[in-house]
């Protein structure tokens, strides 16, 4: 059975979750905050293996950690542009003095994940998290 093993609140006030969908050492990170270091440190201290990251939607406070994440990141590709280009979102909040680069790494479609993983994370682990509706089309 899936469980949230830890919740982190970023300085952007968004939450990030470490979820174990099955009874093994593999975990997923749900949303990648800009201050990802504490999340990775927790995972390493618990001797877990990151199987990937699920980005619930492309807003910068959920995806800005992509640039420091070393693994597969899954997202509804309808939100890919937002996740890759946080600068416009941040500029509208903080002005032009704050610079953030474009994310140029790989992003994978949520539909590439086995259905049982998506269902497990959505239904059992974090039912209060609001996923972009098309993120869960396949469930």
N, C-alpha and C. Protein backbone atom coordinates (compact mmCIF):
# COMPACT_ATOMS: atom_id res chain seq x y z
N UNK A 1 0.83 -1.18 0.00
CA UNK A 1 0.00 0.00 0.00
C UNK A 1 0.88 1.25 0.00
N UNK A 2 0.45 2.23 -0.72
CA UNK A 2 1.19 3.47 -0.87
C UNK A 2 1.07 4.33 0.38
N UNK A 3 2.12 5.07 0.65
CA UNK A 3 2.02 5.99 1.77
C UNK A 3 2.94 7.19 1.55
N UNK A 4 2.49 8.32 2.07
CA UNK A 4 3.34 9.49 2.12
C UNK A 4 4.26 9.28 3.30
N UNK A 5 5.55 9.31 3.06
CA UNK A 5 6.45 9.10 4.19
C UNK A 5 6.99 10.41 4.73
N UNK A 6 6.85 11.49 3.96
CA UNK A 6 7.25 12.79 4.47
C UNK A 6 6.69 13.89 3.58
N UNK A 7 6.38 15.02 4.20
CA UNK A 7 5.91 16.20 3.49
C UNK A 7 6.86 17.35 3.79
N UNK A 8 7.26 18.07 2.76
CA UNK A 8 8.11 19.24 2.90
C UNK A 8 7.32 20.46 2.44
N UNK A 9 7.48 21.56 3.13
CA UNK A 9 6.89 22.82 2.67
C UNK A 9 8.04 23.73 2.27
N UNK A 10 7.99 24.15 1.02
CA UNK A 10 9.04 24.98 0.45
C UNK A 10 8.90 26.43 0.92
N UNK A 11 9.94 27.22 0.71
CA UNK A 11 9.84 28.65 1.03
C UNK A 11 8.81 29.34 0.14
N UNK A 12 8.40 28.69 -0.94
CA UNK A 12 7.33 29.23 -1.78
C UNK A 12 5.96 28.85 -1.24
N UNK A 13 5.93 28.15 -0.13
CA UNK A 13 4.75 27.65 0.59
C UNK A 13 4.02 26.52 -0.13
N UNK A 14 4.60 25.96 -1.16
CA UNK A 14 4.01 24.77 -1.78
C UNK A 14 4.58 23.53 -1.09
N UNK A 15 3.82 22.45 -1.16
CA UNK A 15 4.25 21.20 -0.54
C UNK A 15 4.88 20.27 -1.56
N UNK A 16 5.79 19.47 -1.08
CA UNK A 16 6.41 18.39 -1.84
C UNK A 16 6.29 17.15 -0.98
N UNK A 17 6.01 16.02 -1.61
CA UNK A 17 5.77 14.79 -0.87
C UNK A 17 6.74 13.71 -1.33
N UNK A 18 7.18 12.90 -0.39
CA UNK A 18 7.89 11.68 -0.73
C UNK A 18 6.89 10.56 -0.53
N UNK A 19 6.69 9.78 -1.59
CA UNK A 19 5.67 8.74 -1.59
C UNK A 19 6.31 7.42 -1.95
N UNK A 20 5.94 6.37 -1.20
CA UNK A 20 6.35 5.00 -1.52
C UNK A 20 5.11 4.25 -2.00
N UNK A 21 4.98 4.06 -3.33
CA UNK A 21 3.78 3.40 -3.84
C UNK A 21 3.67 1.92 -3.46
N UNK A 22 4.81 1.29 -3.22
CA UNK A 22 4.81 -0.15 -2.94
C UNK A 22 5.70 -0.42 -1.73
N UNK A 23 5.74 -1.64 -1.31
CA UNK A 23 6.54 -2.01 -0.13
C UNK A 23 7.96 -2.37 -0.53
N UNK A 24 8.66 -1.39 -1.08
CA UNK A 24 10.08 -1.57 -1.40
C UNK A 24 10.79 -0.25 -1.12
N UNK A 25 12.04 -0.13 -1.55
CA UNK A 25 12.82 1.07 -1.24
C UNK A 25 12.61 2.20 -2.25
N UNK A 26 11.80 1.96 -3.27
CA UNK A 26 11.59 2.98 -4.30
C UNK A 26 10.56 4.01 -3.86
N UNK A 27 10.89 5.26 -4.15
CA UNK A 27 9.96 6.33 -3.83
C UNK A 27 9.85 7.30 -5.00
N UNK A 28 8.81 8.09 -4.95
CA UNK A 28 8.62 9.17 -5.91
C UNK A 28 8.54 10.47 -5.14
N UNK A 29 9.02 11.52 -5.76
CA UNK A 29 8.86 12.86 -5.20
C UNK A 29 7.71 13.49 -5.97
N UNK A 30 6.71 13.96 -5.26
CA UNK A 30 5.60 14.65 -5.90
C UNK A 30 5.86 16.14 -5.74
N UNK A 31 6.10 16.79 -6.84
CA UNK A 31 6.46 18.20 -6.98
C UNK A 31 7.90 18.44 -6.54
N UNK A 32 8.57 19.27 -7.31
CA UNK A 32 9.99 19.55 -7.07
C UNK A 32 10.15 21.03 -6.72
N UNK A 33 10.24 21.33 -5.44
CA UNK A 33 10.35 22.73 -5.01
C UNK A 33 11.73 23.29 -5.35
N UNK A 34 11.85 24.61 -5.34
CA UNK A 34 13.15 25.21 -5.63
C UNK A 34 14.23 24.83 -4.62
N UNK A 35 13.83 24.57 -3.38
CA UNK A 35 14.78 24.18 -2.34
C UNK A 35 14.73 22.66 -2.14
N UNK A 36 15.19 21.94 -3.14
CA UNK A 36 15.09 20.48 -3.21
C UNK A 36 16.11 19.75 -2.33
N UNK A 37 17.13 20.45 -1.86
CA UNK A 37 18.22 19.80 -1.13
C UNK A 37 17.74 19.01 0.09
N UNK A 38 16.82 19.59 0.86
CA UNK A 38 16.31 18.89 2.07
C UNK A 38 15.55 17.63 1.72
N UNK A 39 14.83 17.65 0.61
CA UNK A 39 14.08 16.48 0.16
C UNK A 39 15.05 15.35 -0.18
N UNK A 40 16.06 15.67 -0.96
CA UNK A 40 17.06 14.66 -1.37
C UNK A 40 17.83 14.14 -0.16
N UNK A 41 18.18 15.01 0.74
CA UNK A 41 18.90 14.58 1.96
C UNK A 41 18.05 13.60 2.77
N UNK A 42 16.76 13.88 2.92
CA UNK A 42 15.87 12.98 3.65
C UNK A 42 15.83 11.61 2.97
N UNK A 43 15.69 11.59 1.66
CA UNK A 43 15.64 10.34 0.90
C UNK A 43 16.93 9.54 1.10
N UNK A 44 18.06 10.21 1.00
CA UNK A 44 19.36 9.53 1.19
C UNK A 44 19.51 8.98 2.60
N UNK A 45 19.07 9.75 3.60
CA UNK A 45 19.17 9.29 4.99
C UNK A 45 18.29 8.09 5.28
N UNK A 46 17.21 7.94 4.54
CA UNK A 46 16.30 6.80 4.72
C UNK A 46 16.66 5.63 3.81
N UNK A 47 17.78 5.75 3.08
CA UNK A 47 18.25 4.71 2.16
C UNK A 47 17.19 4.33 1.12
N UNK A 48 16.51 5.33 0.60
CA UNK A 48 15.52 5.12 -0.44
C UNK A 48 16.12 5.39 -1.81
N UNK A 49 15.47 4.87 -2.82
CA UNK A 49 15.87 5.09 -4.21
C UNK A 49 14.78 5.87 -4.89
N UNK A 50 15.15 6.97 -5.53
CA UNK A 50 14.16 7.78 -6.23
C UNK A 50 13.85 7.13 -7.58
N UNK A 51 12.59 6.74 -7.75
CA UNK A 51 12.15 6.13 -9.01
C UNK A 51 11.73 7.20 -10.02
N UNK A 52 11.50 8.42 -9.55
CA UNK A 52 11.12 9.51 -10.43
C UNK A 52 10.43 10.60 -9.65
N UNK A 53 10.05 11.64 -10.37
CA UNK A 53 9.32 12.75 -9.79
C UNK A 53 8.05 12.96 -10.59
N UNK A 54 6.97 13.27 -9.90
CA UNK A 54 5.71 13.60 -10.56
C UNK A 54 5.44 15.07 -10.30
N UNK A 55 5.29 15.82 -11.36
CA UNK A 55 5.00 17.24 -11.25
C UNK A 55 3.49 17.40 -11.46
N UNK A 56 2.79 17.88 -10.44
CA UNK A 56 1.33 17.96 -10.52
C UNK A 56 0.86 18.97 -11.55
N UNK A 57 1.60 20.06 -11.70
CA UNK A 57 1.32 21.05 -12.74
C UNK A 57 2.56 21.93 -12.89
N UNK A 58 2.56 22.77 -13.92
CA UNK A 58 3.77 23.47 -14.30
C UNK A 58 4.10 24.76 -13.59
N UNK A 59 3.34 25.15 -12.57
CA UNK A 59 3.68 26.39 -11.88
C UNK A 59 5.06 26.28 -11.25
N UNK A 60 5.75 27.43 -11.23
CA UNK A 60 7.15 27.43 -10.81
C UNK A 60 7.37 26.84 -9.42
N UNK A 61 6.43 27.03 -8.50
CA UNK A 61 6.63 26.54 -7.14
C UNK A 61 6.50 25.03 -7.03
N UNK A 62 6.07 24.38 -8.09
CA UNK A 62 5.97 22.93 -8.14
C UNK A 62 7.04 22.30 -9.03
N UNK A 63 7.70 23.13 -9.84
CA UNK A 63 8.62 22.57 -10.84
C UNK A 63 10.00 23.22 -10.88
N UNK A 64 10.25 24.24 -10.07
CA UNK A 64 11.52 24.94 -10.16
C UNK A 64 12.70 24.06 -9.75
N UNK A 65 12.46 23.00 -8.99
CA UNK A 65 13.53 22.08 -8.61
C UNK A 65 13.98 21.16 -9.72
N UNK A 66 13.33 21.23 -10.89
CA UNK A 66 13.74 20.38 -12.02
C UNK A 66 15.22 20.53 -12.35
N UNK A 67 15.74 21.73 -12.29
CA UNK A 67 17.12 21.96 -12.69
C UNK A 67 18.13 21.27 -11.77
N UNK A 68 17.74 20.96 -10.54
CA UNK A 68 18.66 20.26 -9.63
C UNK A 68 18.26 18.81 -9.38
N UNK A 69 17.25 18.32 -10.11
CA UNK A 69 16.80 16.94 -9.95
C UNK A 69 17.50 16.04 -10.96
N UNK A 70 18.06 14.93 -10.47
CA UNK A 70 18.74 13.97 -11.34
C UNK A 70 17.91 12.71 -11.41
N UNK A 71 16.99 12.67 -12.33
CA UNK A 71 16.12 11.52 -12.49
C UNK A 71 15.03 11.84 -13.49
N UNK A 72 14.14 10.89 -13.68
CA UNK A 72 13.03 11.10 -14.62
C UNK A 72 11.94 11.91 -13.94
N UNK A 73 11.48 12.94 -14.64
CA UNK A 73 10.39 13.77 -14.15
C UNK A 73 9.20 13.62 -15.08
N UNK A 74 8.05 13.32 -14.49
CA UNK A 74 6.82 13.08 -15.24
C UNK A 74 5.84 14.22 -15.01
N UNK A 75 5.19 14.64 -16.08
CA UNK A 75 4.26 15.75 -16.00
C UNK A 75 3.22 15.60 -17.12
N UNK A 76 2.08 16.19 -16.92
CA UNK A 76 1.14 16.31 -18.03
C UNK A 76 1.81 17.24 -19.03
N UNK A 77 2.07 16.77 -20.22
CA UNK A 77 2.83 17.56 -21.18
C UNK A 77 2.09 18.80 -21.64
N UNK A 78 0.81 18.94 -21.29
CA UNK A 78 0.10 20.21 -21.53
C UNK A 78 0.72 21.33 -20.71
N UNK A 79 1.38 20.99 -19.62
CA UNK A 79 2.02 21.98 -18.74
C UNK A 79 3.53 22.08 -18.96
N UNK A 80 4.03 21.41 -19.96
CA UNK A 80 5.48 21.40 -20.18
C UNK A 80 6.04 22.81 -20.36
N UNK A 81 5.36 23.65 -21.12
CA UNK A 81 5.88 25.00 -21.37
C UNK A 81 6.06 25.76 -20.06
N UNK A 82 5.08 25.68 -19.17
CA UNK A 82 5.18 26.37 -17.88
C UNK A 82 6.36 25.85 -17.05
N UNK A 83 6.49 24.54 -17.01
CA UNK A 83 7.57 23.94 -16.21
C UNK A 83 8.94 24.30 -16.77
N UNK A 84 9.05 24.39 -18.07
CA UNK A 84 10.33 24.71 -18.69
C UNK A 84 10.68 26.19 -18.63
N UNK A 85 9.68 27.04 -18.48
CA UNK A 85 9.88 28.49 -18.57
C UNK A 85 9.30 29.22 -17.36
N UNK A 86 9.90 29.04 -16.20
CA UNK A 86 9.35 29.67 -14.99
C UNK A 86 9.56 31.18 -14.94
N UNK A 87 10.43 31.70 -15.79
CA UNK A 87 10.79 33.12 -15.71
C UNK A 87 9.59 34.05 -15.79
N UNK A 88 8.67 33.79 -16.71
CA UNK A 88 7.51 34.67 -16.85
C UNK A 88 6.63 34.66 -15.60
N UNK A 89 6.45 33.49 -15.02
CA UNK A 89 5.65 33.39 -13.79
C UNK A 89 6.30 34.16 -12.65
N UNK A 90 7.60 33.99 -12.50
CA UNK A 90 8.32 34.63 -11.41
C UNK A 90 8.40 36.14 -11.64
N UNK A 91 8.62 36.54 -12.87
CA UNK A 91 8.70 37.97 -13.19
C UNK A 91 7.40 38.68 -12.83
N UNK A 92 6.27 38.03 -13.06
CA UNK A 92 4.99 38.66 -12.74
C UNK A 92 4.81 38.84 -11.23
N UNK A 93 5.49 38.02 -10.45
CA UNK A 93 5.39 38.12 -8.99
C UNK A 93 6.48 39.00 -8.37
N UNK A 94 7.69 38.85 -8.86
CA UNK A 94 8.84 39.48 -8.21
C UNK A 94 9.51 40.58 -9.01
N UNK A 95 9.06 40.79 -10.23
CA UNK A 95 9.69 41.80 -11.07
C UNK A 95 10.85 41.22 -11.87
N UNK A 96 11.43 42.05 -12.68
CA UNK A 96 12.47 41.58 -13.61
C UNK A 96 13.83 41.40 -12.97
N UNK A 97 13.99 41.77 -11.70
CA UNK A 97 15.31 41.66 -11.07
C UNK A 97 15.67 40.22 -10.69
N UNK A 98 14.71 39.33 -10.69
CA UNK A 98 14.94 37.94 -10.30
C UNK A 98 15.06 37.10 -11.56
N UNK A 99 16.21 36.47 -11.77
CA UNK A 99 16.45 35.70 -12.99
C UNK A 99 16.44 34.20 -12.72
N UNK A 100 15.73 33.48 -13.56
CA UNK A 100 15.69 32.02 -13.49
C UNK A 100 15.81 31.52 -14.92
N UNK A 101 16.65 30.53 -15.12
CA UNK A 101 16.86 30.00 -16.46
C UNK A 101 15.78 29.03 -16.90
N UNK A 102 15.74 28.80 -18.19
CA UNK A 102 14.83 27.82 -18.78
C UNK A 102 15.32 26.41 -18.46
N UNK A 103 14.40 25.49 -18.20
CA UNK A 103 14.76 24.09 -17.98
C UNK A 103 14.84 23.41 -19.34
N UNK A 104 15.98 22.82 -19.65
CA UNK A 104 16.17 22.20 -20.97
C UNK A 104 16.32 20.69 -20.92
N UNK A 105 16.18 20.11 -19.76
CA UNK A 105 16.31 18.66 -19.63
C UNK A 105 15.07 17.93 -20.14
N UNK A 106 15.08 16.62 -19.99
CA UNK A 106 13.97 15.79 -20.44
C UNK A 106 12.80 15.87 -19.48
N UNK A 107 11.60 15.86 -20.04
CA UNK A 107 10.37 15.70 -19.29
C UNK A 107 9.59 14.57 -19.94
N UNK A 108 8.99 13.72 -19.12
CA UNK A 108 8.28 12.56 -19.63
C UNK A 108 6.80 12.70 -19.34
N UNK A 109 6.00 12.15 -20.22
CA UNK A 109 4.55 12.20 -20.05
C UNK A 109 4.12 11.30 -18.90
N UNK A 110 3.16 11.78 -18.15
CA UNK A 110 2.62 10.98 -17.06
C UNK A 110 2.08 9.66 -17.60
N UNK A 111 1.66 9.64 -18.85
CA UNK A 111 1.13 8.40 -19.43
C UNK A 111 2.22 7.35 -19.64
N UNK A 112 3.49 7.73 -19.49
CA UNK A 112 4.59 6.76 -19.57
C UNK A 112 4.72 5.91 -18.31
N UNK A 113 4.10 6.35 -17.23
CA UNK A 113 4.15 5.59 -15.97
C UNK A 113 3.11 4.48 -15.98
N UNK A 114 3.41 3.37 -15.37
CA UNK A 114 2.39 2.33 -15.22
C UNK A 114 1.18 2.87 -14.46
N UNK A 115 0.00 2.51 -14.92
CA UNK A 115 -1.25 3.00 -14.35
C UNK A 115 -1.35 2.75 -12.85
N UNK A 116 -0.85 1.63 -12.36
CA UNK A 116 -0.98 1.32 -10.93
C UNK A 116 -0.17 2.29 -10.07
N UNK A 117 0.90 2.85 -10.61
CA UNK A 117 1.68 3.83 -9.84
C UNK A 117 0.89 5.13 -9.72
N UNK A 118 0.34 5.60 -10.82
CA UNK A 118 -0.42 6.85 -10.80
C UNK A 118 -1.64 6.70 -9.88
N UNK A 119 -2.35 5.60 -10.00
CA UNK A 119 -3.52 5.37 -9.15
C UNK A 119 -3.11 5.33 -7.68
N UNK A 120 -2.04 4.63 -7.38
CA UNK A 120 -1.60 4.47 -6.01
C UNK A 120 -1.26 5.82 -5.39
N UNK A 121 -0.54 6.62 -6.12
CA UNK A 121 -0.12 7.91 -5.59
C UNK A 121 -1.32 8.84 -5.45
N UNK A 122 -2.19 8.86 -6.44
CA UNK A 122 -3.35 9.75 -6.43
C UNK A 122 -4.36 9.36 -5.36
N UNK A 123 -4.74 8.12 -5.33
CA UNK A 123 -5.87 7.69 -4.52
C UNK A 123 -5.48 7.39 -3.08
N UNK A 124 -4.41 6.65 -2.88
CA UNK A 124 -4.08 6.19 -1.55
C UNK A 124 -3.17 7.14 -0.79
N UNK A 125 -2.28 7.78 -1.49
CA UNK A 125 -1.24 8.51 -0.77
C UNK A 125 -1.59 9.95 -0.44
N UNK A 126 -2.01 10.71 -1.42
CA UNK A 126 -2.22 12.13 -1.18
C UNK A 126 -3.52 12.59 -1.83
N UNK A 127 -4.65 12.15 -1.31
CA UNK A 127 -5.92 12.48 -1.94
C UNK A 127 -6.25 13.96 -1.92
N UNK A 128 -5.64 14.75 -1.04
CA UNK A 128 -5.95 16.17 -0.99
C UNK A 128 -5.17 16.99 -2.01
N UNK A 129 -4.17 16.41 -2.61
CA UNK A 129 -3.40 17.14 -3.61
C UNK A 129 -4.25 17.32 -4.86
N UNK A 130 -4.30 18.52 -5.35
CA UNK A 130 -5.09 18.80 -6.55
C UNK A 130 -4.19 18.65 -7.76
N UNK A 131 -4.39 17.56 -8.48
CA UNK A 131 -3.65 17.34 -9.71
C UNK A 131 -4.40 18.01 -10.85
N UNK A 132 -3.68 18.50 -11.81
CA UNK A 132 -4.31 19.01 -13.02
C UNK A 132 -5.14 17.88 -13.60
N UNK A 133 -6.38 18.12 -13.93
CA UNK A 133 -7.32 17.06 -14.31
C UNK A 133 -6.80 16.20 -15.46
N UNK A 134 -6.24 16.80 -16.47
CA UNK A 134 -5.78 15.98 -17.59
C UNK A 134 -4.57 15.14 -17.21
N UNK A 135 -3.92 15.45 -16.08
CA UNK A 135 -2.82 14.64 -15.55
C UNK A 135 -3.32 13.24 -15.28
N UNK A 136 -4.57 13.12 -14.88
CA UNK A 136 -5.12 11.84 -14.46
C UNK A 136 -6.08 11.24 -15.47
N UNK A 137 -6.04 11.68 -16.71
CA UNK A 137 -6.95 11.15 -17.73
C UNK A 137 -6.88 9.64 -17.83
N UNK A 138 -5.70 9.09 -17.69
CA UNK A 138 -5.54 7.66 -17.90
C UNK A 138 -6.01 6.82 -16.72
N UNK A 139 -6.28 7.42 -15.57
CA UNK A 139 -6.66 6.67 -14.38
C UNK A 139 -8.13 6.33 -14.40
